Structure formats: C-alpha cells, structure tokens
Amino acid sequence: APPPADNPADEPIDIRPPCTCCGGRMIVIEVFKRWRQPRGPP
C-alpha cells in the first residue's frame, strides 16, 4: 500500500518543549535580535 498522503490541513507539530511547571503549551511572546537580550522578565 502507498504511504498515507500528508494532510495540509493538519497543524504543524509543535517542537517546543512543554511547560516545565504544568506541562502546558508554550507560545512566543517576545522576539529579540542578535546580540540583544529580552527587555526583562515579564
């Protein structure tokens, strides 16, 4: 049998590790450029 076709409607796999505190999903809230640090801990 041929391999199952990819479903483009499927969500991409989230490669970010889950939250170490509760196991929840992590999302990006700030991006900082090269040689920069984040503005401060939110």
PDB file of all heavy atoms in Angstrom:
ATOM      1  N   ALA A   1       0.842  -1.194   0.000  1.00  0.00           N
ATOM      2  CA  ALA A   1       0.000   0.000   0.000  1.00  0.00           C
ATOM      3  C   ALA A   1       0.876   1.243   0.000  1.00  0.00           C
ATOM      4  O   ALA A   1       1.928   1.276   0.653  1.00  0.00           O
ATOM      5  CB  ALA A   1      -0.901   0.004   1.233  1.00  0.00           C
ATOM      6  N   PRO A   2       0.480   2.287  -0.718  1.00  0.00           N
ATOM      7  CA  PRO A   2       1.248   3.535  -0.695  1.00  0.00           C
ATOM      8  C   PRO A   2       1.168   4.182   0.681  1.00  0.00           C
ATOM      9  O   PRO A   2       0.211   3.959   1.417  1.00  0.00           O
ATOM     10  CB  PRO A   2       0.562   4.398  -1.758  1.00  0.00           C
ATOM     11  CG  PRO A   2      -0.833   3.861  -1.847  1.00  0.00           C
ATOM     12  CD  PRO A   2      -0.719   2.385  -1.575  1.00  0.00           C
ATOM     13  N   PRO A   3       2.164   4.972   1.067  1.00  0.00           N
ATOM     14  CA  PRO A   3       2.115   5.644   2.364  1.00  0.00           C
ATOM     15  C   PRO A   3       0.978   6.640   2.400  1.00  0.00           C
ATOM     16  O   PRO A   3       0.578   7.183   1.361  1.00  0.00           O
ATOM     17  CB  PRO A   3       3.474   6.352   2.447  1.00  0.00           C
ATOM     18  CG  PRO A   3       3.897   6.547   1.025  1.00  0.00           C
ATOM     19  CD  PRO A   3       3.353   5.358   0.284  1.00  0.00           C
ATOM     20  N   PRO A   4       0.396   6.913   3.579  1.00  0.00           N
ATOM     21  CA  PRO A   4      -0.693   7.880   3.664  1.00  0.00           C
ATOM     22  C   PRO A   4      -0.243   9.255   3.215  1.00  0.00           C
ATOM     23  O   PRO A   4       0.863   9.699   3.526  1.00  0.00           O
ATOM     24  CB  PRO A   4      -1.063   7.875   5.152  1.00  0.00           C
ATOM     25  CG  PRO A   4       0.136   7.328   5.851  1.00  0.00           C
ATOM     26  CD  PRO A   4       0.770   6.365   4.892  1.00  0.00           C
ATOM     27  N   ALA A   5      -1.096   9.917   2.452  1.00  0.00           N
ATOM     28  CA  ALA A   5      -0.762  11.264   1.957  1.00  0.00           C
ATOM     29  C   ALA A   5      -0.804  12.256   3.098  1.00  0.00           C
ATOM     30  O   ALA A   5      -1.619  12.136   4.026  1.00  0.00           O
ATOM     31  CB  ALA A   5      -1.744  11.674   0.865  1.00  0.00           C
ATOM     32  N   ASP A   6       0.092  13.234   3.036  1.00  0.00           N
ATOM     33  CA  ASP A   6       0.098  14.282   4.059  1.00  0.00           C
ATOM     34  C   ASP A   6      -1.149  15.123   3.919  1.00  0.00           C
ATOM     35  O   ASP A   6      -1.581  15.459   2.818  1.00  0.00           O
ATOM     36  CB  ASP A   6       1.339  15.172   3.908  1.00  0.00           C
ATOM     37  CG  ASP A   6       2.617  14.409   4.213  1.00  0.00           C
ATOM     38  OD1 ASP A   6       2.542  13.454   5.005  1.00  0.00           O
ATOM     39  OD2 ASP A   6       3.666  14.768   3.648  1.00  0.00           O
ATOM     40  N   ASN A   7      -1.732  15.500   5.049  1.00  0.00           N
ATOM     41  CA  ASN A   7      -2.913  16.359   5.053  1.00  0.00           C
ATOM     42  C   ASN A   7      -2.480  17.785   5.322  1.00  0.00           C
ATOM     43  O   ASN A   7      -2.062  18.110   6.431  1.00  0.00           O
ATOM     44  CB  ASN A   7      -3.892  15.880   6.130  1.00  0.00           C
ATOM     45  CG  ASN A   7      -5.202  16.673   6.086  1.00  0.00           C
ATOM     46  OD1 ASN A   7      -5.339  17.621   5.306  1.00  0.00           O
ATOM     47  ND2 ASN A   7      -6.150  16.292   6.917  1.00  0.00           N
ATOM     48  N   PRO A   8      -2.522  18.643   4.309  1.00  0.00           N
ATOM     49  CA  PRO A   8      -2.039  20.019   4.519  1.00  0.00           C
ATOM     50  C   PRO A   8      -2.835  20.774   5.553  1.00  0.00           C
ATOM     51  O   PRO A   8      -2.392  21.784   6.070  1.00  0.00           O
ATOM     52  CB  PRO A   8      -2.191  20.654   3.124  1.00  0.00           C
ATOM     53  CG  PRO A   8      -3.210  19.820   2.416  1.00  0.00           C
ATOM     54  CD  PRO A   8      -3.064  18.431   2.959  1.00  0.00           C
ATOM     55  N   ALA A   9      -4.057  20.281   5.874  1.00  0.00           N
ATOM     56  CA  ALA A   9      -4.874  20.986   6.859  1.00  0.00           C
ATOM     57  C   ALA A   9      -4.416  20.711   8.284  1.00  0.00           C
ATOM     58  O   ALA A   9      -4.800  21.401   9.217  1.00  0.00           O
ATOM     59  CB  ALA A   9      -6.343  20.574   6.688  1.00  0.00           C
ATOM     60  N   ASP A  10      -3.623  19.644   8.453  1.00  0.00           N
ATOM     61  CA  ASP A  10      -3.153  19.317   9.791  1.00  0.00           C
ATOM     62  C   ASP A  10      -2.253  20.430  10.323  1.00  0.00           C
ATOM     63  O   ASP A  10      -1.487  21.053   9.584  1.00  0.00           O
ATOM     64  CB  ASP A  10      -2.359  18.006   9.781  1.00  0.00           C
ATOM     65  CG  ASP A  10      -3.273  16.816   9.549  1.00  0.00           C
ATOM     66  OD1 ASP A  10      -4.501  16.988   9.686  1.00  0.00           O
ATOM     67  OD2 ASP A  10      -2.751  15.732   9.229  1.00  0.00           O
ATOM     68  N   GLU A  11      -2.331  20.653  11.636  1.00  0.00           N
ATOM     69  CA  GLU A  11      -1.467  21.651  12.264  1.00  0.00           C
ATOM     70  C   GLU A  11      -0.037  21.135  12.281  1.00  0.00           C
ATOM     71  O   GLU A  11       0.206  19.951  12.484  1.00  0.00           O
ATOM     72  CB  GLU A  11      -1.941  21.919  13.697  1.00  0.00           C
ATOM     73  CG  GLU A  11      -3.246  22.686  13.780  1.00  0.00           C
ATOM     74  CD  GLU A  11      -3.536  23.101  15.213  1.00  0.00           C
ATOM     75  OE1 GLU A  11      -2.587  23.100  16.022  1.00  0.00           O
ATOM     76  OE2 GLU A  11      -4.681  23.419  15.515  1.00  0.00           O
ATOM     77  N   PRO A  12       0.951  22.007  12.075  1.00  0.00           N
ATOM     78  CA  PRO A  12       2.338  21.560  12.169  1.00  0.00           C
ATOM     79  C   PRO A  12       2.665  21.126  13.601  1.00  0.00           C
ATOM     80  O   PRO A  12       2.080  21.615  14.557  1.00  0.00           O
ATOM     81  CB  PRO A  12       3.139  22.819  11.775  1.00  0.00           C
ATOM     82  CG  PRO A  12       2.198  23.964  12.012  1.00  0.00           C
ATOM     83  CD  PRO A  12       0.827  23.429  11.755  1.00  0.00           C
ATOM     84  N   ILE A  13       3.594  20.177  13.694  1.00  0.00           N
ATOM     85  CA  ILE A  13       3.978  19.669  15.013  1.00  0.00           C
ATOM     86  C   ILE A  13       4.694  20.759  15.790  1.00  0.00           C
ATOM     87  O   ILE A  13       5.587  21.436  15.276  1.00  0.00           O
ATOM     88  CB  ILE A  13       4.896  18.444  14.856  1.00  0.00           C
ATOM     89  CG1 ILE A  13       4.155  17.329  14.129  1.00  0.00           C
ATOM     90  CG2 ILE A  13       5.386  17.957  16.201  1.00  0.00           C
ATOM     91  CD1 ILE A  13       5.025  16.152  13.773  1.00  0.00           C
ATOM     92  N   ASP A  14       4.282  20.954  17.043  1.00  0.00           N
ATOM     93  CA  ASP A  14       4.919  21.950  17.901  1.00  0.00           C
ATOM     94  C   ASP A  14       6.172  21.318  18.502  1.00  0.00           C
ATOM     95  O   ASP A  14       6.085  20.388  19.307  1.00  0.00           O
ATOM     96  CB  ASP A  14       3.952  22.378  19.012  1.00  0.00           C
ATOM     97  CG  ASP A  14       4.468  23.590  19.781  1.00  0.00           C
ATOM     98  OD1 ASP A  14       5.641  23.961  19.574  1.00  0.00           O
ATOM     99  OD2 ASP A  14       3.706  24.154  20.586  1.00  0.00           O
ATOM    100  N   ILE A  15       7.341  21.826  18.094  1.00  0.00           N
ATOM    101  CA  ILE A  15       8.586  21.235  18.558  1.00  0.00           C
ATOM    102  C   ILE A  15       9.077  21.860  19.859  1.00  0.00           C
ATOM    103  O   ILE A  15      10.082  21.429  20.407  1.00  0.00           O
ATOM    104  CB  ILE A  15       9.682  21.360  17.479  1.00  0.00           C
ATOM    105  CG1 ILE A  15       9.964  22.844  17.165  1.00  0.00           C
ATOM    106  CG2 ILE A  15       9.307  20.611  16.224  1.00  0.00           C
ATOM    107  CD1 ILE A  15      11.155  23.064  16.272  1.00  0.00           C
ATOM    108  N   ARG A  16       8.369  22.872  20.373  1.00  0.00           N
ATOM    109  CA  ARG A  16       8.784  23.481  21.628  1.00  0.00           C
ATOM    110  C   ARG A  16       8.468  22.549  22.792  1.00  0.00           C
ATOM    111  O   ARG A  16       7.362  22.000  22.857  1.00  0.00           O
ATOM    112  CB  ARG A  16       8.100  24.830  21.842  1.00  0.00           C
ATOM    113  CG  ARG A  16       8.672  25.955  21.006  1.00  0.00           C
ATOM    114  CD  ARG A  16       8.073  27.295  21.414  1.00  0.00           C
ATOM    115  NE  ARG A  16       6.667  27.377  21.024  1.00  0.00           N
ATOM    116  CZ  ARG A  16       6.257  27.814  19.840  1.00  0.00           C
ATOM    117  NH1 ARG A  16       7.125  28.193  18.951  1.00  0.00           N
ATOM    118  NH2 ARG A  16       4.969  27.862  19.552  1.00  0.00           N
ATOM    119  N   PRO A  17       9.400  22.358  23.707  1.00  0.00           N
ATOM    120  CA  PRO A  17       9.113  21.523  24.875  1.00  0.00           C
ATOM    121  C   PRO A  17       7.963  22.117  25.674  1.00  0.00           C
ATOM    122  O   PRO A  17       7.787  23.343  25.723  1.00  0.00           O
ATOM    123  CB  PRO A  17      10.424  21.571  25.674  1.00  0.00           C
ATOM    124  CG  PRO A  17      11.470  21.995  24.690  1.00  0.00           C
ATOM    125  CD  PRO A  17      10.777  22.875  23.700  1.00  0.00           C
ATOM    126  N   PRO A  18       7.147  21.272  26.326  1.00  0.00           N
ATOM    127  CA  PRO A  18       6.036  21.796  27.117  1.00  0.00           C
ATOM    128  C   PRO A  18       6.528  22.535  28.353  1.00  0.00           C
ATOM    129  O   PRO A  18       7.710  22.475  28.711  1.00  0.00           O
ATOM    130  CB  PRO A  18       5.248  20.540  27.501  1.00  0.00           C
ATOM    131  CG  PRO A  18       6.262  19.447  27.456  1.00  0.00           C
ATOM    132  CD  PRO A  18       7.206  19.808  26.351  1.00  0.00           C
ATOM    133  N   CYS A  19       5.621  23.209  28.997  1.00  0.00           N
ATOM    134  CA  CYS A  19       5.948  23.960  30.219  1.00  0.00           C
ATOM    135  C   CYS A  19       6.479  23.008  31.286  1.00  0.00           C
ATOM    136  O   CYS A  19       5.881  21.962  31.559  1.00  0.00           O
ATOM    137  CB  CYS A  19       4.696  24.675  30.712  1.00  0.00           C
ATOM    138  SG  CYS A  19       4.914  25.516  32.302  1.00  0.00           S
ATOM    139  N   THR A  20       7.590  23.369  31.915  1.00  0.00           N
ATOM    140  CA  THR A  20       8.170  22.529  32.961  1.00  0.00           C
ATOM    141  C   THR A  20       7.372  22.606  34.259  1.00  0.00           C
ATOM    142  O   THR A  20       7.523  21.756  35.133  1.00  0.00           O
ATOM    143  CB  THR A  20       9.624  22.959  33.240  1.00  0.00           C
ATOM    144  OG1 THR A  20       9.647  24.363  33.559  1.00  0.00           O
ATOM    145  CG2 THR A  20      10.497  22.703  32.030  1.00  0.00           C
ATOM    146  N   CYS A  21       6.522  23.602  34.364  1.00  0.00           N
ATOM    147  CA  CYS A  21       5.735  23.776  35.593  1.00  0.00           C
ATOM    148  C   CYS A  21       4.445  22.964  35.555  1.00  0.00           C
ATOM    149  O   CYS A  21       4.143  22.215  36.492  1.00  0.00           O
ATOM    150  CB  CYS A  21       5.430  25.257  35.798  1.00  0.00           C
ATOM    151  SG  CYS A  21       4.416  25.630  37.248  1.00  0.00           S
ATOM    152  N   CYS A  22       3.681  23.076  34.453  1.00  0.00           N
ATOM    153  CA  CYS A  22       2.376  22.411  34.413  1.00  0.00           C
ATOM    154  C   CYS A  22       2.182  21.528  33.184  1.00  0.00           C
ATOM    155  O   CYS A  22       1.145  20.867  33.057  1.00  0.00           O
ATOM    156  CB  CYS A  22       1.259  23.454  34.471  1.00  0.00           C
ATOM    157  SG  CYS A  22       1.140  24.467  32.961  1.00  0.00           S
ATOM    158  N   GLY A  23       3.148  21.522  32.255  1.00  0.00           N
ATOM    159  CA  GLY A  23       3.008  20.718  31.050  1.00  0.00           C
ATOM    160  C   GLY A  23       2.189  21.377  29.959  1.00  0.00           C
ATOM    161  O   GLY A  23       1.872  20.747  28.951  1.00  0.00           O
ATOM    162  N   GLY A  24       1.834  22.627  30.136  1.00  0.00           N
ATOM    163  CA  GLY A  24       1.015  23.334  29.157  1.00  0.00           C
ATOM    164  C   GLY A  24       1.791  23.716  27.915  1.00  0.00           C
ATOM    165  O   GLY A  24       3.010  23.558  27.837  1.00  0.00           O
ATOM    166  N   ARG A  25       1.070  24.278  26.927  1.00  0.00           N
ATOM    167  CA  ARG A  25       1.687  24.676  25.665  1.00  0.00           C
ATOM    168  C   ARG A  25       2.363  26.030  25.800  1.00  0.00           C
ATOM    169  O   ARG A  25       1.800  26.966  26.372  1.00  0.00           O
ATOM    170  CB  ARG A  25       0.623  24.732  24.564  1.00  0.00           C
ATOM    171  CG  ARG A  25       1.199  24.939  23.157  1.00  0.00           C
ATOM    172  CD  ARG A  25       0.137  24.672  22.094  1.00  0.00           C
ATOM    173  NE  ARG A  25      -0.786  25.791  21.999  1.00  0.00           N
ATOM    174  CZ  ARG A  25      -0.729  26.731  21.046  1.00  0.00           C
ATOM    175  NH1 ARG A  25       0.204  26.651  20.123  1.00  0.00           N
ATOM    176  NH2 ARG A  25      -1.596  27.708  21.009  1.00  0.00           N
ATOM    177  N   MET A  26       3.588  26.125  25.274  1.00  0.00           N
ATOM    178  CA  MET A  26       4.340  27.374  25.320  1.00  0.00           C
ATOM    179  C   MET A  26       4.137  28.141  24.022  1.00  0.00           C
ATOM    180  O   MET A  26       4.126  27.560  22.936  1.00  0.00           O
ATOM    181  CB  MET A  26       5.837  27.081  25.507  1.00  0.00           C
ATOM    182  CG  MET A  26       6.169  26.259  26.735  1.00  0.00           C
ATOM    183  SD  MET A  26       5.827  27.103  28.293  1.00  0.00           S
ATOM    184  CE  MET A  26       7.173  28.284  28.365  1.00  0.00           C
ATOM    185  N   ILE A  27       3.946  29.466  24.138  1.00  0.00           N
ATOM    186  CA  ILE A  27       3.828  30.318  22.956  1.00  0.00           C
ATOM    187  C   ILE A  27       4.861  31.442  23.043  1.00  0.00           C
ATOM    188  O   ILE A  27       5.326  31.800  24.125  1.00  0.00           O
ATOM    189  CB  ILE A  27       2.411  30.920  22.824  1.00  0.00           C
ATOM    190  CG1 ILE A  27       2.117  31.821  24.032  1.00  0.00           C
ATOM    191  CG2 ILE A  27       1.365  29.840  22.674  1.00  0.00           C
ATOM    192  CD1 ILE A  27       0.831  32.618  23.871  1.00  0.00           C
ATOM    193  N   VAL A  28       5.236  31.974  21.891  1.00  0.00           N
ATOM    194  CA  VAL A  28       6.237  33.039  21.832  1.00  0.00           C
ATOM    195  C   VAL A  28       5.568  34.381  22.130  1.00  0.00           C
ATOM    196  O   VAL A  28       4.565  34.735  21.515  1.00  0.00           O
ATOM    197  CB  VAL A  28       6.902  33.085  20.444  1.00  0.00           C
ATOM    198  CG1 VAL A  28       7.889  34.249  20.348  1.00  0.00           C
ATOM    199  CG2 VAL A  28       7.609  31.766  20.162  1.00  0.00           C
ATOM    200  N   ILE A  29       6.122  35.116  23.100  1.00  0.00           N
ATOM    201  CA  ILE A  29       5.553  36.420  23.449  1.00  0.00           C
ATOM    202  C   ILE A  29       6.500  37.578  23.143  1.00  0.00           C
ATOM    203  O   ILE A  29       6.097  38.737  23.182  1.00  0.00           O
ATOM    204  CB  ILE A  29       5.153  36.479  24.940  1.00  0.00           C
ATOM    205  CG1 ILE A  29       6.382  36.304  25.836  1.00  0.00           C
ATOM    206  CG2 ILE A  29       4.086  35.446  25.255  1.00  0.00           C
ATOM    207  CD1 ILE A  29       6.103  36.570  27.302  1.00  0.00           C
ATOM    208  N   GLU A  30       7.766  37.267  22.856  1.00  0.00           N
ATOM    209  CA  GLU A  30       8.719  38.332  22.510  1.00  0.00           C
ATOM    210  C   GLU A  30       9.854  37.731  21.693  1.00  0.00           C
ATOM    211  O   GLU A  30      10.306  36.614  21.976  1.00  0.00           O
ATOM    212  CB  GLU A  30       9.292  38.992  23.770  1.00  0.00           C
ATOM    213  CG  GLU A  30      10.282  40.108  23.463  1.00  0.00           C
ATOM    214  CD  GLU A  30      11.008  40.629  24.705  1.00  0.00           C
ATOM    215  OE1 GLU A  30      10.563  40.320  25.828  1.00  0.00           O
ATOM    216  OE2 GLU A  30      12.019  41.326  24.516  1.00  0.00           O
ATOM    217  N   VAL A  31      10.291  38.455  20.679  1.00  0.00           N
ATOM    218  CA  VAL A  31      11.434  38.047  19.869  1.00  0.00           C
ATOM    219  C   VAL A  31      12.497  39.128  19.994  1.00  0.00           C
ATOM    220  O   VAL A  31      12.193  40.318  19.918  1.00  0.00           O
ATOM    221  CB  VAL A  31      11.036  37.869  18.390  1.00  0.00           C
ATOM    222  CG1 VAL A  31      12.266  37.552  17.538  1.00  0.00           C
ATOM    223  CG2 VAL A  31       9.993  36.761  18.249  1.00  0.00           C
ATOM    224  N   PHE A  32      13.749  38.721  20.228  1.00  0.00           N
ATOM    225  CA  PHE A  32      14.828  39.709  20.305  1.00  0.00           C
ATOM    226  C   PHE A  32      15.933  39.335  19.322  1.00  0.00           C
ATOM    227  O   PHE A  32      16.169  38.176  19.027  1.00  0.00           O
ATOM    228  CB  PHE A  32      15.381  39.842  21.731  1.00  0.00           C
ATOM    229  CG  PHE A  32      15.768  38.549  22.386  1.00  0.00           C
ATOM    230  CD1 PHE A  32      17.087  38.101  22.365  1.00  0.00           C
ATOM    231  CD2 PHE A  32      14.822  37.777  23.057  1.00  0.00           C
ATOM    232  CE1 PHE A  32      17.441  36.920  22.978  1.00  0.00           C
ATOM    233  CE2 PHE A  32      15.170  36.599  23.680  1.00  0.00           C
ATOM    234  CZ  PHE A  32      16.489  36.163  23.635  1.00  0.00           C
ATOM    235  N   LYS A  33      16.595  40.370  18.782  1.00  0.00           N
ATOM    236  CA  LYS A  33      17.538  40.197  17.689  1.00  0.00           C
ATOM    237  C   LYS A  33      18.908  39.761  18.192  1.00  0.00           C
ATOM    238  O   LYS A  33      19.162  39.690  19.392  1.00  0.00           O
ATOM    239  CB  LYS A  33      17.643  41.499  16.888  1.00  0.00           C
ATOM    240  CG  LYS A  33      16.343  41.898  16.212  1.00  0.00           C
ATOM    241  CD  LYS A  33      16.517  43.190  15.419  1.00  0.00           C
ATOM    242  CE  LYS A  33      15.207  43.598  14.742  1.00  0.00           C
ATOM    243  NZ  LYS A  33      15.361  44.863  13.989  1.00  0.00           N
ATOM    244  N   ARG A  34      19.790  39.500  17.224  1.00  0.00           N
ATOM    245  CA  ARG A  34      21.162  39.085  17.539  1.00  0.00           C
ATOM    246  C   ARG A  34      21.846  40.120  18.421  1.00  0.00           C
ATOM    247  O   ARG A  34      21.662  41.314  18.261  1.00  0.00           O
ATOM    248  CB  ARG A  34      21.962  38.919  16.252  1.00  0.00           C
ATOM    249  CG  ARG A  34      21.416  37.847  15.319  1.00  0.00           C
ATOM    250  CD  ARG A  34      21.976  37.995  13.930  1.00  0.00           C
ATOM    251  NE  ARG A  34      23.381  37.663  13.870  1.00  0.00           N
ATOM    252  CZ  ARG A  34      23.870  36.453  13.559  1.00  0.00           C
ATOM    253  NH1 ARG A  34      23.021  35.479  13.275  1.00  0.00           N
ATOM    254  NH2 ARG A  34      25.152  36.223  13.522  1.00  0.00           N
ATOM    255  N   TRP A  35      22.640  39.616  19.344  1.00  0.00           N
ATOM    256  CA  TRP A  35      23.402  40.434  20.284  1.00  0.00           C
ATOM    257  C   TRP A  35      22.512  41.202  21.257  1.00  0.00           C
ATOM    258  O   TRP A  35      22.981  42.076  21.968  1.00  0.00           O
ATOM    259  CB  TRP A  35      24.310  41.434  19.553  1.00  0.00           C
ATOM    260  CG  TRP A  35      25.375  40.776  18.730  1.00  0.00           C
ATOM    261  CD1 TRP A  35      25.339  40.515  17.401  1.00  0.00           C
ATOM    262  CD2 TRP A  35      26.634  40.277  19.195  1.00  0.00           C
ATOM    263  NE1 TRP A  35      26.481  39.892  16.994  1.00  0.00           N
ATOM    264  CE2 TRP A  35      27.310  39.738  18.069  1.00  0.00           C
ATOM    265  CE3 TRP A  35      27.262  40.236  20.439  1.00  0.00           C
ATOM    266  CZ2 TRP A  35      28.571  39.167  18.163  1.00  0.00           C
ATOM    267  CZ3 TRP A  35      28.516  39.669  20.523  1.00  0.00           C
ATOM    268  CH2 TRP A  35      29.159  39.143  19.389  1.00  0.00           C
ATOM    269  N   ARG A  36      21.224  40.884  21.304  1.00  0.00           N
ATOM    270  CA  ARG A  36      20.302  41.567  22.217  1.00  0.00           C
ATOM    271  C   ARG A  36      19.826  40.597  23.290  1.00  0.00           C
ATOM    272  O   ARG A  36      19.858  39.387  23.114  1.00  0.00           O
ATOM    273  CB  ARG A  36      19.088  42.093  21.454  1.00  0.00           C
ATOM    274  CG  ARG A  36      19.429  43.049  20.330  1.00  0.00           C
ATOM    275  CD  ARG A  36      19.594  44.448  20.819  1.00  0.00           C
ATOM    276  NE  ARG A  36      19.884  45.377  19.745  1.00  0.00           N
ATOM    277  CZ  ARG A  36      19.914  46.685  19.914  1.00  0.00           C
ATOM    278  NH1 ARG A  36      19.647  47.216  21.100  1.00  0.00           N
ATOM    279  NH2 ARG A  36      20.206  47.479  18.899  1.00  0.00           N
ATOM    280  N   GLN A  37      19.362  41.144  24.384  1.00  0.00           N
ATOM    281  CA  GLN A  37      18.714  40.369  25.428  1.00  0.00           C
ATOM    282  C   GLN A  37      17.249  40.767  25.478  1.00  0.00           C
ATOM    283  O   GLN A  37      16.883  41.855  25.010  1.00  0.00           O
ATOM    284  CB  GLN A  37      19.371  40.654  26.785  1.00  0.00           C
ATOM    285  CG  GLN A  37      20.782  40.081  26.927  1.00  0.00           C
ATOM    286  CD  GLN A  37      20.788  38.594  27.185  1.00  0.00           C
ATOM    287  OE1 GLN A  37      19.736  37.960  27.190  1.00  0.00           O
ATOM    288  NE2 GLN A  37      21.972  38.025  27.379  1.00  0.00           N
ATOM    289  N   PRO A  38      16.369  39.932  26.022  1.00  0.00           N
ATOM    290  CA  PRO A  38      14.969  40.356  26.182  1.00  0.00           C
ATOM    291  C   PRO A  38      14.895  41.580  27.083  1.00  0.00           C
ATOM    292  O   PRO A  38      15.779  41.820  27.910  1.00  0.00           O
ATOM    293  CB  PRO A  38      14.293  39.128  26.819  1.00  0.00           C
ATOM    294  CG  PRO A  38      15.402  38.332  27.400  1.00  0.00           C
ATOM    295  CD  PRO A  38      16.596  38.570  26.548  1.00  0.00           C
ATOM    296  N   ARG A  39      13.833  42.348  26.904  1.00  0.00           N
ATOM    297  CA  ARG A  39      13.715  43.607  27.652  1.00  0.00           C
ATOM    298  C   ARG A  39      13.723  43.377  29.167  1.00  0.00           C
ATOM    299  O   ARG A  39      14.171  44.204  29.934  1.00  0.00           O
ATOM    300  CB  ARG A  39      12.429  44.328  27.246  1.00  0.00           C
ATOM    301  CG  ARG A  39      12.463  44.869  25.834  1.00  0.00           C
ATOM    302  CD  ARG A  39      11.269  45.761  25.568  1.00  0.00           C
ATOM    303  NE  ARG A  39      10.020  45.037  25.649  1.00  0.00           N
ATOM    304  CZ  ARG A  39       9.448  44.413  24.624  1.00  0.00           C
ATOM    305  NH1 ARG A  39      10.048  44.401  23.448  1.00  0.00           N
ATOM    306  NH2 ARG A  39       8.301  43.781  24.755  1.00  0.00           N
ATOM    307  N   GLY A  40      13.233  42.247  29.596  1.00  0.00           N
ATOM    308  CA  GLY A  40      13.191  41.948  31.026  1.00  0.00           C
ATOM    309  C   GLY A  40      12.185  40.858  31.283  1.00  0.00           C
ATOM    310  O   GLY A  40      11.313  40.613  30.459  1.00  0.00           O
ATOM    311  N   PRO A  41      12.283  40.179  32.396  1.00  0.00           N
ATOM    312  CA  PRO A  41      11.333  39.101  32.688  1.00  0.00           C
ATOM    313  C   PRO A  41       9.923  39.642  32.833  1.00  0.00           C
ATOM    314  O   PRO A  41       9.681  40.541  33.643  1.00  0.00           O
ATOM    315  CB  PRO A  41      11.848  38.514  34.001  1.00  0.00           C
ATOM    316  CG  PRO A  41      12.685  39.581  34.607  1.00  0.00           C
ATOM    317  CD  PRO A  41      13.252  40.369  33.482  1.00  0.00           C
ATOM    318  N   PRO A  42       8.978  39.137  32.030  1.00  0.00           N
ATOM    319  CA  PRO A  42       7.601  39.626  32.160  1.00  0.00           C
ATOM    320  C   PRO A  42       6.981  39.154  33.461  1.00  0.00           C
ATOM    321  O   PRO A  42       7.246  38.053  33.913  1.00  0.00           O
ATOM    322  CB  PRO A  42       6.906  38.991  30.950  1.00  0.00           C
ATOM    323  CG  PRO A  42       7.715  37.768  30.659  1.00  0.00           C
ATOM    324  CD  PRO A  42       9.118  38.079  31.050  1.00  0.00           C
TER     325      PRO A  42
END
